């Protein structure tokens, strides 16, 4: 009986210590997996309101960077091109409004895209580098009068990550 009690006093704490170490190793590997590109696989959607010349950091799309830091792409509203016929003016055509953006990737390279809901062959949504940019709205929507200065537009841009295509064929 003394042997059984002595065995329980030694084996039970030793077993508890081994279980704690295994749990800690499993939790640590789970943490490293969560920081290694989890944002690339996890769906997200965020809306940013930009004025001309302003930029926004797309934080949900951050990728692991050098020395463990995260780097995220940025999007900038470069220019608003409003060629719509002003109120009180006589025009040959109605015109359109478009929005020019620059996407700066974490490695510093840039790409440009234009969104418009009224421009001929214009698109309200575009996908670049796994991110989908969708025109969500603009303020003010009203066309200014012919003698008024151009308004300070605020463009709402919805950014989401596009789902990668599933290479696995699905049964019909």
C-alpha atoms as a PDB file:
ATOM      1  CA  UNK A   1       0.000   0.000   0.000  1.00  0.00           C
ATOM      2  CA  UNK A   2       2.897   2.347   0.713  1.00  0.00           C
ATOM      3  CA  UNK A   3       4.214   1.611  -2.772  1.00  0.00           C
ATOM      4  CA  UNK A   4       0.870   2.561  -4.340  1.00  0.00           C
ATOM      5  CA  UNK A   5       0.696   5.867  -2.479  1.00  0.00           C
ATOM      6  CA  UNK A   6       4.337   6.632  -3.282  1.00  0.00           C
ATOM      7  CA  UNK A   7       3.727   5.780  -6.959  1.00  0.00           C
ATOM      8  CA  UNK A   8       0.689   8.099  -7.053  1.00  0.00           C
ATOM      9  CA  UNK A   9       2.699  10.938  -5.508  1.00  0.00           C
ATOM     10  CA  UNK A  10       5.368  10.609  -8.201  1.00  0.00           C
ATOM     11  CA  UNK A  11       3.394   9.542 -11.280  1.00  0.00           C
ATOM     12  CA  UNK A  12       0.486  11.978 -10.928  1.00  0.00           C
ATOM     13  CA  UNK A  13       2.632  15.177 -10.826  1.00  0.00           C
ATOM     14  CA  UNK A  14       4.858  13.809 -13.598  1.00  0.00           C
ATOM     15  CA  UNK A  15       1.825  13.015 -15.773  1.00  0.00           C
ATOM     16  CA  UNK A  16       0.397  16.493 -15.102  1.00  0.00           C
ATOM     17  CA  UNK A  17       3.693  18.139 -16.130  1.00  0.00           C
ATOM     18  CA  UNK A  18       3.845  16.126 -19.384  1.00  0.00           C
ATOM     19  CA  UNK A  19       0.231  17.009 -20.219  1.00  0.00           C
ATOM     20  CA  UNK A  20       0.924  20.705 -19.558  1.00  0.00           C
ATOM     21  CA  UNK A  21       3.971  20.616 -21.858  1.00  0.00           C
ATOM     22  CA  UNK A  22       1.978  18.935 -24.644  1.00  0.00           C
ATOM     23  CA  UNK A  23      -0.792  21.497 -24.315  1.00  0.00           C
ATOM     24  CA  UNK A  24       1.733  24.362 -24.435  1.00  0.00           C
ATOM     25  CA  UNK A  25       3.371  22.930 -27.573  1.00  0.00           C
ATOM     26  CA  UNK A  26       0.003  22.544 -29.281  1.00  0.00           C
ATOM     27  CA  UNK A  27      -1.075  26.075 -28.351  1.00  0.00           C
ATOM     28  CA  UNK A  28       2.222  27.548 -29.561  1.00  0.00           C
ATOM     29  CA  UNK A  29       1.955  25.849 -32.944  1.00  0.00           C
ATOM     30  CA  UNK A  30      -1.639  27.061 -33.222  1.00  0.00           C
ATOM     31  CA  UNK A  31      -0.497  30.626 -32.620  1.00  0.00           C
ATOM     32  CA  UNK A  32       2.157  30.440 -35.307  1.00  0.00           C
ATOM     33  CA  UNK A  33      -0.351  29.057 -37.799  1.00  0.00           C
ATOM     34  CA  UNK A  34      -2.746  31.874 -36.978  1.00  0.00           C
ATOM     35  CA  UNK A  35      -0.158  34.523 -37.809  1.00  0.00           C
ATOM     36  CA  UNK A  36       1.119  32.805 -40.959  1.00  0.00           C
ATOM     37  CA  UNK A  37      -1.306  34.039 -43.607  1.00  0.00           C
ATOM     38  CA  UNK A  38      -4.554  33.484 -41.712  1.00  0.00           C
ATOM     39  CA  UNK A  39      -5.898  36.717 -43.180  1.00  0.00           C
ATOM     40  CA  UNK A  40      -5.375  35.384 -46.681  1.00  0.00           C
ATOM     41  CA  UNK A  41      -7.718  32.458 -45.971  1.00  0.00           C
ATOM     42  CA  UNK A  42     -10.187  34.191 -43.680  1.00  0.00           C
ATOM     43  CA  UNK A  43     -12.928  36.126 -45.503  1.00  0.00           C
ATOM     44  CA  UNK A  44     -13.175  39.816 -44.704  1.00  0.00           C
ATOM     45  CA  UNK A  45     -14.933  42.912 -45.956  1.00  0.00           C
ATOM     46  CA  UNK A  46     -14.322  46.505 -44.901  1.00  0.00           C
ATOM     47  CA  UNK A  47     -15.606  49.840 -46.189  1.00  0.00           C
ATOM     48  CA  UNK A  48     -13.354  52.878 -46.373  1.00  0.00           C
ATOM     49  CA  UNK A  49     -14.489  56.468 -47.021  1.00  0.00           C
ATOM     50  CA  UNK A  50     -11.833  58.391 -48.926  1.00  0.00           C
ATOM     51  CA  UNK A  51     -11.488  61.976 -50.081  1.00  0.00           C
ATOM     52  CA  UNK A  52      -9.338  62.893 -53.054  1.00  0.00           C
ATOM     53  CA  UNK A  53      -5.671  62.370 -52.118  1.00  0.00           C
ATOM     54  CA  UNK A  54      -6.466  60.285 -49.025  1.00  0.00           C
ATOM     55  CA  UNK A  55      -5.365  56.696 -48.514  1.00  0.00           C
ATOM     56  CA  UNK A  56      -6.361  53.823 -46.253  1.00  0.00           C
ATOM     57  CA  UNK A  57      -4.438  50.819 -44.935  1.00  0.00           C
ATOM     58  CA  UNK A  58      -6.244  47.568 -45.675  1.00  0.00           C
ATOM     59  CA  UNK A  59      -5.436  46.025 -42.293  1.00  0.00           C
ATOM     60  CA  UNK A  60      -7.402  42.764 -42.699  1.00  0.00           C
ATOM     61  CA  UNK A  61      -5.189  41.926 -45.693  1.00  0.00           C
ATOM     62  CA  UNK A  62      -1.945  42.274 -43.707  1.00  0.00           C
ATOM     63  CA  UNK A  63       0.700  39.684 -44.503  1.00  0.00           C
ATOM     64  CA  UNK A  64       3.573  38.595 -42.265  1.00  0.00           C
ATOM     65  CA  UNK A  65       6.528  40.873 -42.894  1.00  0.00           C
ATOM     66  CA  UNK A  66      10.202  40.999 -42.109  1.00  0.00           C
ATOM     67  CA  UNK A  67      11.136  40.396 -38.455  1.00  0.00           C
ATOM     68  CA  UNK A  68       7.612  39.232 -37.610  1.00  0.00           C
ATOM     69  CA  UNK A  69       5.910  42.559 -38.389  1.00  0.00           C
ATOM     70  CA  UNK A  70       2.789  42.714 -40.519  1.00  0.00           C
ATOM     71  CA  UNK A  71       2.672  44.686 -43.726  1.00  0.00           C
ATOM     72  CA  UNK A  72      -0.603  45.683 -45.326  1.00  0.00           C
ATOM     73  CA  UNK A  73      -1.549  47.061 -48.720  1.00  0.00           C
ATOM     74  CA  UNK A  74      -2.880  50.614 -49.026  1.00  0.00           C
ATOM     75  CA  UNK A  75      -5.421  52.110 -51.393  1.00  0.00           C
ATOM     76  CA  UNK A  76      -5.432  55.802 -52.354  1.00  0.00           C
ATOM     77  CA  UNK A  77      -8.091  57.864 -54.118  1.00  0.00           C
ATOM     78  CA  UNK A  78      -5.888  59.706 -56.595  1.00  0.00           C
ATOM     79  CA  UNK A  79      -8.482  61.669 -58.524  1.00  0.00           C
ATOM     80  CA  UNK A  80     -12.185  62.252 -59.062  1.00  0.00           C
ATOM     81  CA  UNK A  81     -13.008  63.002 -62.708  1.00  0.00           C
ATOM     82  CA  UNK A  82     -16.443  64.650 -62.867  1.00  0.00           C
ATOM     83  CA  UNK A  83     -17.359  65.547 -66.444  1.00  0.00           C
ATOM     84  CA  UNK A  84     -21.127  65.514 -65.823  1.00  0.00           C
ATOM     85  CA  UNK A  85     -23.147  68.356 -67.257  1.00  0.00           C
ATOM     86  CA  UNK A  86     -23.481  70.980 -64.526  1.00  0.00           C
ATOM     87  CA  UNK A  87     -26.892  72.213 -63.417  1.00  0.00           C
ATOM     88  CA  UNK A  88     -27.820  75.290 -65.467  1.00  0.00           C
ATOM     89  CA  UNK A  89     -25.344  74.522 -68.270  1.00  0.00           C
ATOM     90  CA  UNK A  90     -26.192  73.530 -71.839  1.00  0.00           C
ATOM     91  CA  UNK A  91     -24.343  70.342 -72.757  1.00  0.00           C
ATOM     92  CA  UNK A  92     -24.093  68.050 -75.752  1.00  0.00           C
ATOM     93  CA  UNK A  93     -23.751  64.948 -73.599  1.00  0.00           C
ATOM     94  CA  UNK A  94     -24.528  64.023 -69.983  1.00  0.00           C
ATOM     95  CA  UNK A  95     -20.925  63.202 -69.040  1.00  0.00           C
ATOM     96  CA  UNK A  96     -19.854  60.846 -66.279  1.00  0.00           C
ATOM     97  CA  UNK A  97     -17.981  60.637 -62.997  1.00  0.00           C
ATOM     98  CA  UNK A  98     -15.100  58.238 -62.376  1.00  0.00           C
ATOM     99  CA  UNK A  99     -12.685  57.563 -59.529  1.00  0.00           C
ATOM    100  CA  UNK A 100      -8.981  56.737 -60.021  1.00  0.00           C
ATOM    101  CA  UNK A 101      -7.291  54.642 -57.324  1.00  0.00           C
ATOM    102  CA  UNK A 102      -3.761  53.413 -56.647  1.00  0.00           C
ATOM    103  CA  UNK A 103      -3.133  50.135 -54.819  1.00  0.00           C
ATOM    104  CA  UNK A 104       0.258  49.931 -53.106  1.00  0.00           C
ATOM    105  CA  UNK A 105       1.221  46.367 -52.245  1.00  0.00           C
ATOM    106  CA  UNK A 106       3.274  45.418 -49.165  1.00  0.00           C
ATOM    107  CA  UNK A 107       6.393  45.067 -51.345  1.00  0.00           C
ATOM    108  CA  UNK A 108       6.011  48.696 -52.537  1.00  0.00           C
ATOM    109  CA  UNK A 109       4.822  47.998 -56.072  1.00  0.00           C
ATOM    110  CA  UNK A 110       1.751  49.863 -57.267  1.00  0.00           C
ATOM    111  CA  UNK A 111      -1.125  49.298 -59.655  1.00  0.00           C
ATOM    112  CA  UNK A 112      -3.932  51.611 -60.754  1.00  0.00           C
ATOM    113  CA  UNK A 113      -7.620  51.068 -61.382  1.00  0.00           C
ATOM    114  CA  UNK A 114     -10.669  53.191 -62.203  1.00  0.00           C
ATOM    115  CA  UNK A 115     -14.207  52.654 -60.891  1.00  0.00           C
ATOM    116  CA  UNK A 116     -17.371  54.269 -62.219  1.00  0.00           C
ATOM    117  CA  UNK A 117     -21.083  53.535 -62.280  1.00  0.00           C
ATOM    118  CA  UNK A 118     -21.784  55.958 -65.143  1.00  0.00           C
ATOM    119  CA  UNK A 119     -18.747  55.859 -67.446  1.00  0.00           C
ATOM    120  CA  UNK A 120     -19.105  53.938 -70.725  1.00  0.00           C
ATOM    121  CA  UNK A 121     -17.552  50.479 -70.190  1.00  0.00           C
ATOM    122  CA  UNK A 122     -16.879  51.500 -66.591  1.00  0.00           C
ATOM    123  CA  UNK A 123     -16.861  48.967 -63.773  1.00  0.00           C
ATOM    124  CA  UNK A 124     -18.176  49.331 -60.256  1.00  0.00           C
ATOM    125  CA  UNK A 125     -15.956  46.488 -59.042  1.00  0.00           C
ATOM    126  CA  UNK A 126     -12.456  45.235 -59.836  1.00  0.00           C
ATOM    127  CA  UNK A 127     -10.233  42.494 -58.371  1.00  0.00           C
ATOM    128  CA  UNK A 128      -6.490  42.965 -57.966  1.00  0.00           C
ATOM    129  CA  UNK A 129      -4.015  40.813 -56.037  1.00  0.00           C
ATOM    130  CA  UNK A 130      -6.750  38.821 -54.317  1.00  0.00           C
ATOM    131  CA  UNK A 131      -8.646  41.923 -53.166  1.00  0.00           C
ATOM    132  CA  UNK A 132     -11.987  43.031 -54.604  1.00  0.00           C
ATOM    133  CA  UNK A 133     -12.640  46.782 -54.674  1.00  0.00           C
ATOM    134  CA  UNK A 134     -16.296  47.806 -55.073  1.00  0.00           C
ATOM    135  CA  UNK A 135     -17.707  51.300 -55.387  1.00  0.00           C
ATOM    136  CA  UNK A 136     -20.188  51.548 -52.506  1.00  0.00           C
ATOM    137  CA  UNK A 137     -21.276  55.189 -52.853  1.00  0.00           C
ATOM    138  CA  UNK A 138     -20.261  58.806 -53.198  1.00  0.00           C
ATOM    139  CA  UNK A 139     -21.229  62.040 -51.469  1.00  0.00           C
ATOM    140  CA  UNK A 140     -22.476  64.415 -52.679  1.00  0.00           C
ATOM    141  CA  UNK A 141     -24.342  62.638 -55.451  1.00  0.00           C
ATOM    142  CA  UNK A 142     -25.965  65.767 -56.861  1.00  0.00           C
ATOM    143  CA  UNK A 143     -24.332  67.458 -59.830  1.00  0.00           C
ATOM    144  CA  UNK A 144     -23.066  70.930 -58.824  1.00  0.00           C
ATOM    145  CA  UNK A 145     -24.309  74.115 -60.498  1.00  0.00           C
ATOM    146  CA  UNK A 146     -22.257  75.498 -63.382  1.00  0.00           C
ATOM    147  CA  UNK A 147     -20.689  78.341 -61.337  1.00  0.00           C
ATOM    148  CA  UNK A 148     -19.960  76.294 -58.192  1.00  0.00           C
ATOM    149  CA  UNK A 149     -16.504  74.908 -57.449  1.00  0.00           C
ATOM    150  CA  UNK A 150     -16.094  71.146 -57.581  1.00  0.00           C
ATOM    151  CA  UNK A 151     -17.317  69.592 -54.341  1.00  0.00           C
ATOM    152  CA  UNK A 152     -15.066  67.715 -51.923  1.00  0.00           C
ATOM    153  CA  UNK A 153     -16.189  64.203 -52.853  1.00  0.00           C
ATOM    154  CA  UNK A 154     -16.223  61.376 -50.290  1.00  0.00           C
ATOM    155  CA  UNK A 155     -16.059  57.989 -51.962  1.00  0.00           C
ATOM    156  CA  UNK A 156     -17.086  54.824 -50.117  1.00  0.00           C
ATOM    157  CA  UNK A 157     -15.021  51.849 -51.229  1.00  0.00           C
ATOM    158  CA  UNK A 158     -15.773  48.306 -50.048  1.00  0.00           C
ATOM    159  CA  UNK A 159     -12.705  46.057 -49.963  1.00  0.00           C
ATOM    160  CA  UNK A 160     -12.948  42.296 -49.530  1.00  0.00           C
ATOM    161  CA  UNK A 161     -10.739  39.348 -50.242  1.00  0.00           C
ATOM    162  CA  UNK A 162     -11.835  37.258 -53.166  1.00  0.00           C
ATOM    163  CA  UNK A 163     -12.255  33.593 -52.524  1.00  0.00           C
ATOM    164  CA  UNK A 164      -9.690  31.424 -54.261  1.00  0.00           C
ATOM    165  CA  UNK A 165     -11.210  29.045 -56.763  1.00  0.00           C
ATOM    166  CA  UNK A 166     -11.687  25.533 -55.453  1.00  0.00           C
ATOM    167  CA  UNK A 167      -9.578  23.154 -57.577  1.00  0.00           C
ATOM    168  CA  UNK A 168     -11.525  20.153 -56.281  1.00  0.00           C
ATOM    169  CA  UNK A 169     -14.276  19.141 -58.721  1.00  0.00           C
ATOM    170  CA  UNK A 170     -17.703  18.857 -57.150  1.00  0.00           C
ATOM    171  CA  UNK A 171     -20.130  16.101 -58.087  1.00  0.00           C
ATOM    172  CA  UNK A 172     -23.118  17.203 -60.153  1.00  0.00           C
END
